[in-house]
Amino acid sequence: MAFVRFMILMLIPLGVIYISLLAYLCARKRDRLNAAYQPQGTDLARATFVKAGVSAYATRIRGKLAGVIFGIPFGLLAVHIFGTEFL
């Protein structure tokens, strides 16, 4: 029971880290897309270009980021518990 409680308590700061890092990475991508946009259209075209680019980037990076942020700590915890209990 204590293990489950510990994992739930780990989810809270890891969730905050995940959301913060995703927002930071999307903001960096938004800045890069704004800089790369060629000024041949209107502001609406620029906003559409940037929104589509950030949306595609966010869907591509979401799974990888979740795997890194949540998978590594929980995997290391599982290896540690297995090692101390069974080896």
N, C-alpha and C. Protein backbone atom coordinates (compact mmCIF):
# COMPACT_ATOMS: atom_id res chain seq x y z
N MET A 1 0.82 -1.20 0.00
CA MET A 1 0.00 0.00 0.00
C MET A 1 0.86 1.26 0.00
N ALA A 2 1.96 1.20 0.71
CA ALA A 2 2.85 2.36 0.75
C ALA A 2 3.47 2.61 -0.62
N PHE A 3 3.71 1.54 -1.37
CA PHE A 3 4.27 1.69 -2.71
C PHE A 3 3.30 2.44 -3.63
N VAL A 4 2.03 2.10 -3.54
CA VAL A 4 1.02 2.77 -4.36
C VAL A 4 0.91 4.24 -3.96
N ARG A 5 0.93 4.51 -2.68
CA ARG A 5 0.87 5.89 -2.20
C ARG A 5 2.08 6.68 -2.70
N PHE A 6 3.25 6.07 -2.67
CA PHE A 6 4.45 6.73 -3.14
C PHE A 6 4.38 7.02 -4.63
N MET A 7 3.83 6.08 -5.40
CA MET A 7 3.71 6.30 -6.84
C MET A 7 2.72 7.42 -7.14
N ILE A 8 1.64 7.50 -6.38
CA ILE A 8 0.68 8.58 -6.58
C ILE A 8 1.32 9.92 -6.23
N LEU A 9 2.10 9.95 -5.15
CA LEU A 9 2.78 11.18 -4.78
C LEU A 9 3.86 11.55 -5.80
N MET A 10 4.43 10.58 -6.48
CA MET A 10 5.40 10.87 -7.54
C MET A 10 4.73 11.45 -8.78
N LEU A 11 3.48 11.05 -9.02
CA LEU A 11 2.77 11.53 -10.21
C LEU A 11 2.54 13.04 -10.18
N ILE A 12 2.35 13.61 -9.02
CA ILE A 12 2.04 15.04 -8.93
C ILE A 12 3.22 15.89 -9.40
N PRO A 13 4.43 15.77 -8.84
CA PRO A 13 5.52 16.61 -9.35
C PRO A 13 5.94 16.25 -10.78
N LEU A 14 5.84 14.97 -11.13
CA LEU A 14 6.18 14.59 -12.50
C LEU A 14 5.18 15.17 -13.50
N GLY A 15 3.91 15.25 -13.12
CA GLY A 15 2.91 15.87 -13.98
C GLY A 15 3.17 17.35 -14.16
N VAL A 16 3.58 18.02 -13.09
CA VAL A 16 3.91 19.45 -13.18
C VAL A 16 5.12 19.65 -14.09
N ILE A 17 6.12 18.80 -13.94
CA ILE A 17 7.31 18.88 -14.78
C ILE A 17 6.94 18.62 -16.24
N TYR A 18 6.09 17.64 -16.50
CA TYR A 18 5.68 17.31 -17.86
C TYR A 18 4.96 18.49 -18.51
N ILE A 19 3.99 19.07 -17.80
CA ILE A 19 3.22 20.18 -18.36
C ILE A 19 4.12 21.39 -18.59
N SER A 20 5.00 21.68 -17.64
CA SER A 20 5.89 22.82 -17.78
C SER A 20 6.85 22.64 -18.95
N LEU A 21 7.43 21.47 -19.06
CA LEU A 21 8.37 21.21 -20.14
C LEU A 21 7.68 21.21 -21.50
N LEU A 22 6.47 20.68 -21.58
CA LEU A 22 5.72 20.71 -22.84
C LEU A 22 5.40 22.15 -23.23
N ALA A 23 4.99 22.97 -22.28
CA ALA A 23 4.70 24.38 -22.58
C ALA A 23 5.95 25.11 -23.02
N TYR A 24 7.08 24.83 -22.38
CA TYR A 24 8.34 25.48 -22.76
C TYR A 24 8.77 25.07 -24.16
N LEU A 25 8.69 23.79 -24.47
CA LEU A 25 9.10 23.32 -25.79
C LEU A 25 8.18 23.87 -26.89
N CYS A 26 6.88 23.95 -26.61
CA CYS A 26 5.96 24.52 -27.60
C CYS A 26 6.21 26.01 -27.79
N ALA A 27 6.56 26.72 -26.73
CA ALA A 27 6.86 28.15 -26.86
C ALA A 27 8.12 28.36 -27.69
N ARG A 28 9.13 27.51 -27.49
CA ARG A 28 10.35 27.61 -28.31
C ARG A 28 10.04 27.33 -29.77
N LYS A 29 9.22 26.33 -30.02
CA LYS A 29 8.84 26.00 -31.40
C LYS A 29 8.04 27.15 -32.02
N ARG A 30 7.16 27.76 -31.25
CA ARG A 30 6.38 28.90 -31.74
C ARG A 30 7.31 30.06 -32.12
N ASP A 31 8.32 30.32 -31.30
CA ASP A 31 9.27 31.38 -31.61
C ASP A 31 10.05 31.08 -32.89
N ARG A 32 10.47 29.83 -33.05
CA ARG A 32 11.21 29.44 -34.25
C ARG A 32 10.34 29.54 -35.50
N LEU A 33 9.06 29.16 -35.39
CA LEU A 33 8.16 29.26 -36.54
C LEU A 33 7.87 30.71 -36.89
N ASN A 34 7.74 31.56 -35.88
CA ASN A 34 7.54 32.99 -36.16
C ASN A 34 8.74 33.58 -36.87
N ALA A 35 9.94 33.15 -36.48
CA ALA A 35 11.15 33.66 -37.12
C ALA A 35 11.32 33.11 -38.53
N ALA A 36 10.86 31.89 -38.76
CA ALA A 36 11.04 31.26 -40.07
C ALA A 36 9.97 31.65 -41.07
N TYR A 37 8.90 32.27 -40.63
CA TYR A 37 7.81 32.63 -41.53
C TYR A 37 8.25 33.73 -42.49
N GLN A 38 7.96 33.53 -43.76
CA GLN A 38 8.29 34.53 -44.77
C GLN A 38 7.17 35.57 -44.81
N PRO A 39 7.48 36.83 -44.73
CA PRO A 39 6.44 37.88 -44.64
C PRO A 39 5.74 38.15 -45.97
N GLN A 40 5.09 37.14 -46.53
CA GLN A 40 4.40 37.32 -47.78
C GLN A 40 2.88 37.28 -47.61
N GLY A 41 2.43 36.99 -46.43
CA GLY A 41 0.99 36.91 -46.20
C GLY A 41 0.55 37.86 -45.12
N THR A 42 -0.69 37.69 -44.71
CA THR A 42 -1.26 38.53 -43.67
C THR A 42 -0.93 37.96 -42.29
N ASP A 43 -1.35 38.70 -41.29
CA ASP A 43 -1.13 38.22 -39.92
C ASP A 43 -1.95 36.97 -39.64
N LEU A 44 -3.11 36.85 -40.27
CA LEU A 44 -3.93 35.66 -40.11
C LEU A 44 -3.24 34.44 -40.69
N ALA A 45 -2.58 34.61 -41.83
CA ALA A 45 -1.85 33.49 -42.43
C ALA A 45 -0.67 33.08 -41.55
N ARG A 46 0.00 34.05 -40.96
CA ARG A 46 1.10 33.75 -40.06
C ARG A 46 0.60 33.00 -38.83
N ALA A 47 -0.49 33.47 -38.27
CA ALA A 47 -1.05 32.81 -37.08
C ALA A 47 -1.48 31.38 -37.40
N THR A 48 -2.06 31.18 -38.57
CA THR A 48 -2.48 29.83 -38.98
C THR A 48 -1.27 28.93 -39.18
N PHE A 49 -0.23 29.45 -39.81
CA PHE A 49 1.00 28.69 -40.04
C PHE A 49 1.63 28.29 -38.71
N VAL A 50 1.72 29.23 -37.78
CA VAL A 50 2.35 28.95 -36.49
C VAL A 50 1.51 27.98 -35.68
N LYS A 51 0.20 28.17 -35.67
CA LYS A 51 -0.68 27.28 -34.90
C LYS A 51 -0.62 25.86 -35.43
N ALA A 52 -0.62 25.69 -36.74
CA ALA A 52 -0.54 24.35 -37.32
C ALA A 52 0.81 23.70 -37.01
N GLY A 53 1.87 24.47 -37.08
CA GLY A 53 3.19 23.93 -36.78
C GLY A 53 3.35 23.52 -35.33
N VAL A 54 2.86 24.34 -34.43
CA VAL A 54 2.96 24.02 -33.00
C VAL A 54 2.09 22.82 -32.66
N SER A 55 0.90 22.75 -33.26
CA SER A 55 0.01 21.63 -33.01
C SER A 55 0.63 20.31 -33.48
N ALA A 56 1.22 20.32 -34.66
CA ALA A 56 1.88 19.11 -35.17
C ALA A 56 3.07 18.74 -34.31
N TYR A 57 3.82 19.71 -33.86
CA TYR A 57 4.98 19.45 -33.01
C TYR A 57 4.54 18.89 -31.66
N ALA A 58 3.48 19.45 -31.09
CA ALA A 58 3.02 19.01 -29.77
C ALA A 58 2.53 17.57 -29.82
N THR A 59 1.80 17.20 -30.87
CA THR A 59 1.33 15.81 -30.95
C THR A 59 2.48 14.85 -31.18
N ARG A 60 3.51 15.29 -31.88
CA ARG A 60 4.66 14.42 -32.13
C ARG A 60 5.50 14.23 -30.88
N ILE A 61 5.64 15.26 -30.07
CA ILE A 61 6.56 15.20 -28.93
C ILE A 61 5.88 14.69 -27.65
N ARG A 62 4.56 14.72 -27.60
CA ARG A 62 3.84 14.39 -26.37
C ARG A 62 4.16 12.99 -25.85
N GLY A 63 4.12 12.00 -26.72
CA GLY A 63 4.37 10.63 -26.30
C GLY A 63 5.80 10.40 -25.86
N LYS A 64 6.73 10.97 -26.61
CA LYS A 64 8.14 10.81 -26.26
C LYS A 64 8.45 11.48 -24.93
N LEU A 65 7.90 12.66 -24.73
CA LEU A 65 8.14 13.39 -23.50
C LEU A 65 7.52 12.66 -22.31
N ALA A 66 6.32 12.12 -22.48
CA ALA A 66 5.69 11.37 -21.40
C ALA A 66 6.49 10.12 -21.08
N GLY A 67 7.02 9.48 -22.10
CA GLY A 67 7.85 8.30 -21.86
C GLY A 67 9.10 8.62 -21.06
N VAL A 68 9.70 9.75 -21.37
CA VAL A 68 10.92 10.14 -20.65
C VAL A 68 10.60 10.61 -19.23
N ILE A 69 9.61 11.49 -19.11
CA ILE A 69 9.31 12.08 -17.81
C ILE A 69 8.73 11.06 -16.85
N PHE A 70 7.82 10.22 -17.31
CA PHE A 70 7.18 9.25 -16.42
C PHE A 70 7.86 7.89 -16.45
N GLY A 71 8.35 7.48 -17.60
CA GLY A 71 8.90 6.13 -17.74
C GLY A 71 10.21 5.92 -17.03
N ILE A 72 11.12 6.86 -17.14
CA ILE A 72 12.44 6.68 -16.52
C ILE A 72 12.36 6.60 -15.00
N PRO A 73 11.69 7.54 -14.31
CA PRO A 73 11.64 7.43 -12.84
C PRO A 73 10.92 6.17 -12.36
N PHE A 74 9.78 5.84 -12.99
CA PHE A 74 9.06 4.64 -12.56
C PHE A 74 9.82 3.37 -12.92
N GLY A 75 10.50 3.38 -14.05
CA GLY A 75 11.33 2.22 -14.41
C GLY A 75 12.49 2.02 -13.46
N LEU A 76 13.16 3.11 -13.10
CA LEU A 76 14.25 3.00 -12.14
C LEU A 76 13.75 2.56 -10.77
N LEU A 77 12.58 3.03 -10.38
CA LEU A 77 12.00 2.61 -9.11
C LEU A 77 11.67 1.13 -9.14
N ALA A 78 11.13 0.65 -10.24
CA ALA A 78 10.81 -0.78 -10.36
C ALA A 78 12.07 -1.63 -10.33
N VAL A 79 13.13 -1.18 -11.00
CA VAL A 79 14.40 -1.91 -10.98
C VAL A 79 14.98 -1.93 -9.57
N HIS A 80 14.90 -0.81 -8.88
CA HIS A 80 15.41 -0.73 -7.51
C HIS A 80 14.65 -1.67 -6.58
N ILE A 81 13.33 -1.66 -6.68
CA ILE A 81 12.52 -2.54 -5.81
C ILE A 81 12.78 -3.99 -6.16
N PHE A 82 12.86 -4.32 -7.42
CA PHE A 82 13.15 -5.70 -7.81
C PHE A 82 14.52 -6.13 -7.30
N GLY A 83 15.50 -5.24 -7.43
CA GLY A 83 16.85 -5.56 -6.99
C GLY A 83 16.95 -5.76 -5.49
N THR A 84 16.26 -4.94 -4.72
CA THR A 84 16.36 -5.08 -3.27
C THR A 84 15.51 -6.22 -2.74
N GLU A 85 14.45 -6.58 -3.42
CA GLU A 85 13.59 -7.64 -2.92
C GLU A 85 14.01 -9.03 -3.38
N PHE A 86 14.48 -9.14 -4.59
CA PHE A 86 14.69 -10.48 -5.15
C PHE A 86 16.14 -10.83 -5.43
N LEU A 87 17.04 -9.90 -5.39
CA LEU A 87 18.44 -10.23 -5.68
C LEU A 87 19.28 -10.21 -4.44
